[in-house]
């Protein structure tokens, strides 16, 4: 079986023009730009800047339309979303997730792919924007002093069906995880009510971290997710 992996920006048309694909083939993986790609945007210290779950869903839509549907009469016999579920190893454990690790809620890509596969979406996942820390986005390479209190984080989210949203914020260490190791959020950093705006304390140990927020429609097991890397000095 000929199998092809295609991440963000892939063009199967170029592949057809270069190689004589005269046998059936599979798109065996497709999804956002790989964490190993030099084109991945990074902070000044090398932290990987991640798309939110809404923008990732559009990557899946584009790849499915351009690399799979467009070539189904030219030998493409099937495809596999990378990955259907959540990661248990890799550089960033939220990077390819189509479900969230903590509550197994479906993220935006699940709706998008279900729609492309011909299913009716009775209730859609929330939408979400960019996280800011003290008003700065990921491209600003946010740096915090160790143990600093009163750090402000903010995100905008809404639900297309008008459902009630709850917010779940987490801080995790920014480090590669071995096979089968899930994210372990740091405890005791957040104060007050979880909403679209929260106050938290920077971790006491210097290093690289990621701030994650899930906007959840718990009634329908749907969620949207955004992530921002930050450095503690």
Protein backbone atom coordinates (compact mmCIF):
# COMPACT_ATOMS: atom_id res chain seq x y z
CA UNK A 1 0.00 0.00 0.00
CA UNK A 2 1.34 3.43 -0.89
CA UNK A 3 0.78 5.78 2.04
CA UNK A 4 1.38 9.52 2.19
CA UNK A 5 1.54 11.81 5.22
CA UNK A 6 0.30 15.33 4.56
CA UNK A 7 0.48 18.19 7.04
CA UNK A 8 -0.57 21.82 6.76
CA UNK A 9 0.29 23.30 3.37
CA UNK A 10 0.62 19.94 1.60
CA UNK A 11 -0.24 19.75 -2.09
CA UNK A 12 -1.08 16.35 -3.55
CA UNK A 13 -1.47 18.04 -6.94
CA UNK A 14 2.27 18.78 -6.89
CA UNK A 15 2.92 15.16 -5.95
CA UNK A 16 0.82 13.92 -8.87
CA UNK A 17 2.74 16.22 -11.20
CA UNK A 18 6.11 14.96 -9.93
CA UNK A 19 5.49 11.23 -9.46
CA UNK A 20 3.35 8.83 -11.52
CA UNK A 21 0.87 7.77 -8.83
CA UNK A 22 -0.64 5.01 -10.96
CA UNK A 23 -1.67 2.79 -8.03
CA UNK A 24 -4.20 3.32 -5.22
CA UNK A 25 -2.84 5.18 -2.21
CA UNK A 26 -3.88 6.36 1.24
CA UNK A 27 -3.39 9.69 2.95
CA UNK A 28 -2.26 7.88 6.08
CA UNK A 29 -1.85 11.00 8.25
CA UNK A 30 -3.01 14.59 7.87
CA UNK A 31 -3.22 17.48 10.28
CA UNK A 32 -1.55 20.69 11.49
CA UNK A 33 2.05 21.52 10.65
CA UNK A 34 4.35 19.13 12.50
CA UNK A 35 6.11 20.29 15.65
CA UNK A 36 9.41 19.25 13.99
CA UNK A 37 8.91 21.54 10.98
CA UNK A 38 11.21 24.55 10.75
CA UNK A 39 8.25 26.65 9.57
CA UNK A 40 6.49 26.30 12.96
CA UNK A 41 6.25 29.72 14.62
CA UNK A 42 8.24 29.94 17.85
CA UNK A 43 8.86 32.29 20.73
CA UNK A 44 12.25 33.94 21.22
CA UNK A 45 13.38 30.98 23.38
CA UNK A 46 12.03 28.36 20.96
CA UNK A 47 8.63 27.63 22.48
CA UNK A 48 6.25 26.26 19.84
CA UNK A 49 3.32 28.59 19.12
CA UNK A 50 0.17 26.52 18.69
CA UNK A 51 -3.01 27.24 16.75
CA UNK A 52 -6.25 27.22 18.73
CA UNK A 53 -8.73 24.41 18.11
CA UNK A 54 -10.87 26.53 15.76
CA UNK A 55 -7.94 27.29 13.45
CA UNK A 56 -6.77 23.66 13.58
CA UNK A 57 -10.23 22.55 12.44
CA UNK A 58 -9.86 24.75 9.35
CA UNK A 59 -6.50 23.10 8.62
CA UNK A 60 -8.22 19.70 8.61
CA UNK A 61 -10.97 21.06 6.35
CA UNK A 62 -8.49 22.45 3.84
CA UNK A 63 -6.36 19.30 3.77
CA UNK A 64 -9.40 17.04 3.36
CA UNK A 65 -10.78 19.11 0.50
CA UNK A 66 -7.47 19.69 -1.28
CA UNK A 67 -5.63 16.42 -0.69
CA UNK A 68 -8.40 13.83 -0.42
CA UNK A 69 -11.70 14.85 -2.01
CA UNK A 70 -9.97 16.55 -4.92
CA UNK A 71 -8.14 13.32 -5.78
CA UNK A 72 -10.66 10.60 -4.99
CA UNK A 73 -10.95 9.82 -8.72
CA UNK A 74 -7.17 9.83 -9.13
CA UNK A 75 -6.25 6.95 -6.86
CA UNK A 76 -6.87 8.25 -3.32
CA UNK A 77 -8.88 5.51 -1.60
CA UNK A 78 -8.97 6.79 1.98
CA UNK A 79 -7.43 8.84 4.74
CA UNK A 80 -6.72 8.99 8.46
CA UNK A 81 -7.01 12.11 10.63
CA UNK A 82 -3.88 12.59 12.74
CA UNK A 83 -4.89 12.04 15.36
CA UNK A 84 -8.41 11.01 16.37
CA UNK A 85 -8.29 11.28 20.14
CA UNK A 86 -5.58 12.90 22.26
CA UNK A 87 -1.82 12.53 22.39
CA UNK A 88 0.04 10.48 24.95
CA UNK A 89 3.56 11.37 23.80
CA UNK A 90 5.38 14.06 21.86
CA UNK A 91 6.70 17.60 22.05
CA UNK A 92 3.33 19.23 22.86
CA UNK A 93 0.48 17.02 24.03
CA UNK A 94 -2.26 19.37 22.83
CA UNK A 95 -0.84 19.79 19.32
CA UNK A 96 -2.78 17.11 17.42
CA UNK A 97 -5.61 16.41 19.84
CA UNK A 98 -9.14 16.26 18.42
CA UNK A 99 -10.49 15.44 21.90
CA UNK A 100 -9.30 16.83 25.22
CA UNK A 101 -7.40 14.62 27.63
CA UNK A 102 -9.16 15.74 30.78
CA UNK A 103 -12.87 15.31 29.97
CA UNK A 104 -12.75 13.59 26.57
CA UNK A 105 -14.81 16.43 25.08
CA UNK A 106 -14.88 16.75 21.29
CA UNK A 107 -12.93 19.74 19.96
CA UNK A 108 -13.80 21.74 16.84
CA UNK A 109 -12.07 19.40 14.39
CA UNK A 110 -14.53 16.63 15.31
CA UNK A 111 -17.45 18.77 14.10
CA UNK A 112 -15.56 19.78 10.98
CA UNK A 113 -14.61 16.25 9.99
CA UNK A 114 -18.06 14.86 10.86
CA UNK A 115 -19.57 17.48 8.59
CA UNK A 116 -17.15 16.65 5.77
CA UNK A 117 -17.98 12.96 6.21
CA UNK A 118 -21.66 13.78 5.62
CA UNK A 119 -23.01 13.78 9.18
CA UNK A 120 -25.51 16.29 10.54
CA UNK A 121 -24.10 18.37 13.41
CA UNK A 122 -26.96 18.92 15.83
CA UNK A 123 -24.89 20.96 18.29
CA UNK A 124 -21.57 22.63 17.55
CA UNK A 125 -18.47 23.09 19.65
CA UNK A 126 -17.72 26.55 21.08
CA UNK A 127 -15.44 28.97 19.29
CA UNK A 128 -12.37 30.53 20.91
CA UNK A 129 -9.77 33.22 20.25
CA UNK A 130 -6.18 33.85 21.29
CA UNK A 131 -5.05 33.74 24.91
CA UNK A 132 -3.26 36.79 26.23
CA UNK A 133 -1.12 37.04 29.38
CA UNK A 134 -1.02 40.57 30.76
CA UNK A 135 -2.39 41.67 27.38
CA UNK A 136 0.34 39.94 25.34
CA UNK A 137 -0.15 37.13 22.84
CA UNK A 138 2.10 34.17 22.09
CA UNK A 139 4.13 36.03 19.47
CA UNK A 140 5.21 38.50 22.19
CA UNK A 141 7.26 35.75 23.90
CA UNK A 142 5.73 36.25 27.36
CA UNK A 143 8.22 36.09 30.26
CA UNK A 144 7.22 36.13 33.95
CA UNK A 145 9.16 36.37 37.18
CA UNK A 146 9.14 33.16 39.23
CA UNK A 147 6.37 33.11 41.83
CA UNK A 148 4.83 36.40 40.71
CA UNK A 149 1.24 36.80 41.89
CA UNK A 150 -1.62 38.48 40.06
CA UNK A 151 -0.76 37.48 36.50
CA UNK A 152 -3.77 38.17 34.28
CA UNK A 153 -4.86 35.84 31.49
CA UNK A 154 -7.76 36.38 29.13
CA UNK A 155 -9.52 34.64 26.24
CA UNK A 156 -12.74 35.25 24.30
CA UNK A 157 -15.09 32.34 23.60
CA UNK A 158 -18.69 31.88 22.55
CA UNK A 159 -21.09 29.08 21.74
CA UNK A 160 -22.85 29.05 18.33
CA UNK A 161 -25.91 27.40 19.87
CA UNK A 162 -26.10 29.74 22.85
CA UNK A 163 -25.19 27.04 25.36
CA UNK A 164 -23.66 27.88 28.73
CA UNK A 165 -19.85 27.76 28.72
CA UNK A 166 -17.54 26.93 31.59
CA UNK A 167 -13.80 27.60 31.58
CA UNK A 168 -11.00 25.28 32.63
CA UNK A 169 -7.49 26.79 32.85
CA UNK A 170 -4.33 24.75 33.37
CA UNK A 171 -0.57 25.35 33.50
CA UNK A 172 1.72 22.51 32.38
CA UNK A 173 5.48 22.25 31.92
CA UNK A 174 6.59 22.69 28.33
CA UNK A 175 8.54 19.49 27.85
CA UNK A 176 8.53 16.42 25.66
CA UNK A 177 6.53 13.55 27.13
CA UNK A 178 7.40 9.90 26.79
CA UNK A 179 4.97 7.30 25.46
CA UNK A 180 1.88 6.88 27.63
CA UNK A 181 2.57 9.94 29.82
CA UNK A 182 -0.31 12.42 30.01
CA UNK A 183 -0.11 16.11 30.92
CA UNK A 184 0.17 16.79 34.64
CA UNK A 185 -1.11 20.31 35.40
CA UNK A 186 0.50 22.27 38.23
CA UNK A 187 -1.79 22.81 41.20
CA UNK A 188 -2.53 25.84 43.37
CA UNK A 189 -1.75 28.54 40.79
CA UNK A 190 -5.23 29.94 40.08
CA UNK A 191 -7.34 32.11 42.35
CA UNK A 192 -10.95 33.18 42.04
CA UNK A 193 -13.60 31.98 39.64
CA UNK A 194 -12.69 30.31 36.36
CA UNK A 195 -14.02 32.46 33.53
CA UNK A 196 -12.74 34.06 30.35
CA UNK A 197 -10.51 36.23 32.56
CA UNK A 198 -8.45 34.70 35.34
CA UNK A 199 -5.68 35.60 37.76
CA UNK A 200 -2.86 33.15 38.47
CA UNK A 201 0.57 32.93 40.02
CA UNK A 202 3.64 32.14 37.97
CA UNK A 203 5.27 28.82 38.89
CA UNK A 204 8.03 29.11 41.48
CA UNK A 205 10.57 27.19 39.38
CA UNK A 206 12.24 28.78 36.35
CA UNK A 207 11.56 27.08 33.04
CA UNK A 208 9.22 26.89 30.07
CA UNK A 209 5.48 26.40 30.53
CA UNK A 210 2.22 26.37 28.60
CA UNK A 211 -1.07 27.94 29.70
CA UNK A 212 -4.09 26.04 28.38
CA UNK A 213 -7.76 27.00 28.46
CA UNK A 214 -10.78 24.91 27.55
CA UNK A 215 -14.11 26.64 26.93
CA UNK A 216 -16.55 23.81 27.58
CA UNK A 217 -20.15 23.11 26.63
CA UNK A 218 -20.43 20.33 29.19
CA UNK A 219 -24.07 19.62 28.34
CA UNK A 220 -23.01 18.34 24.92
CA UNK A 221 -19.43 17.17 25.68
CA UNK A 222 -17.96 19.78 23.32
CA UNK A 223 -15.06 22.17 23.89
CA UNK A 224 -12.74 24.68 22.26
CA UNK A 225 -9.11 25.03 23.32
CA UNK A 226 -6.35 27.64 23.16
CA UNK A 227 -2.75 27.52 24.36
CA UNK A 228 0.04 30.06 24.98
CA UNK A 229 3.67 29.27 25.87
CA UNK A 230 5.43 31.40 28.50
CA UNK A 231 8.80 31.45 30.22
CA UNK A 232 9.51 31.82 33.93
CA UNK A 233 12.82 33.36 34.99
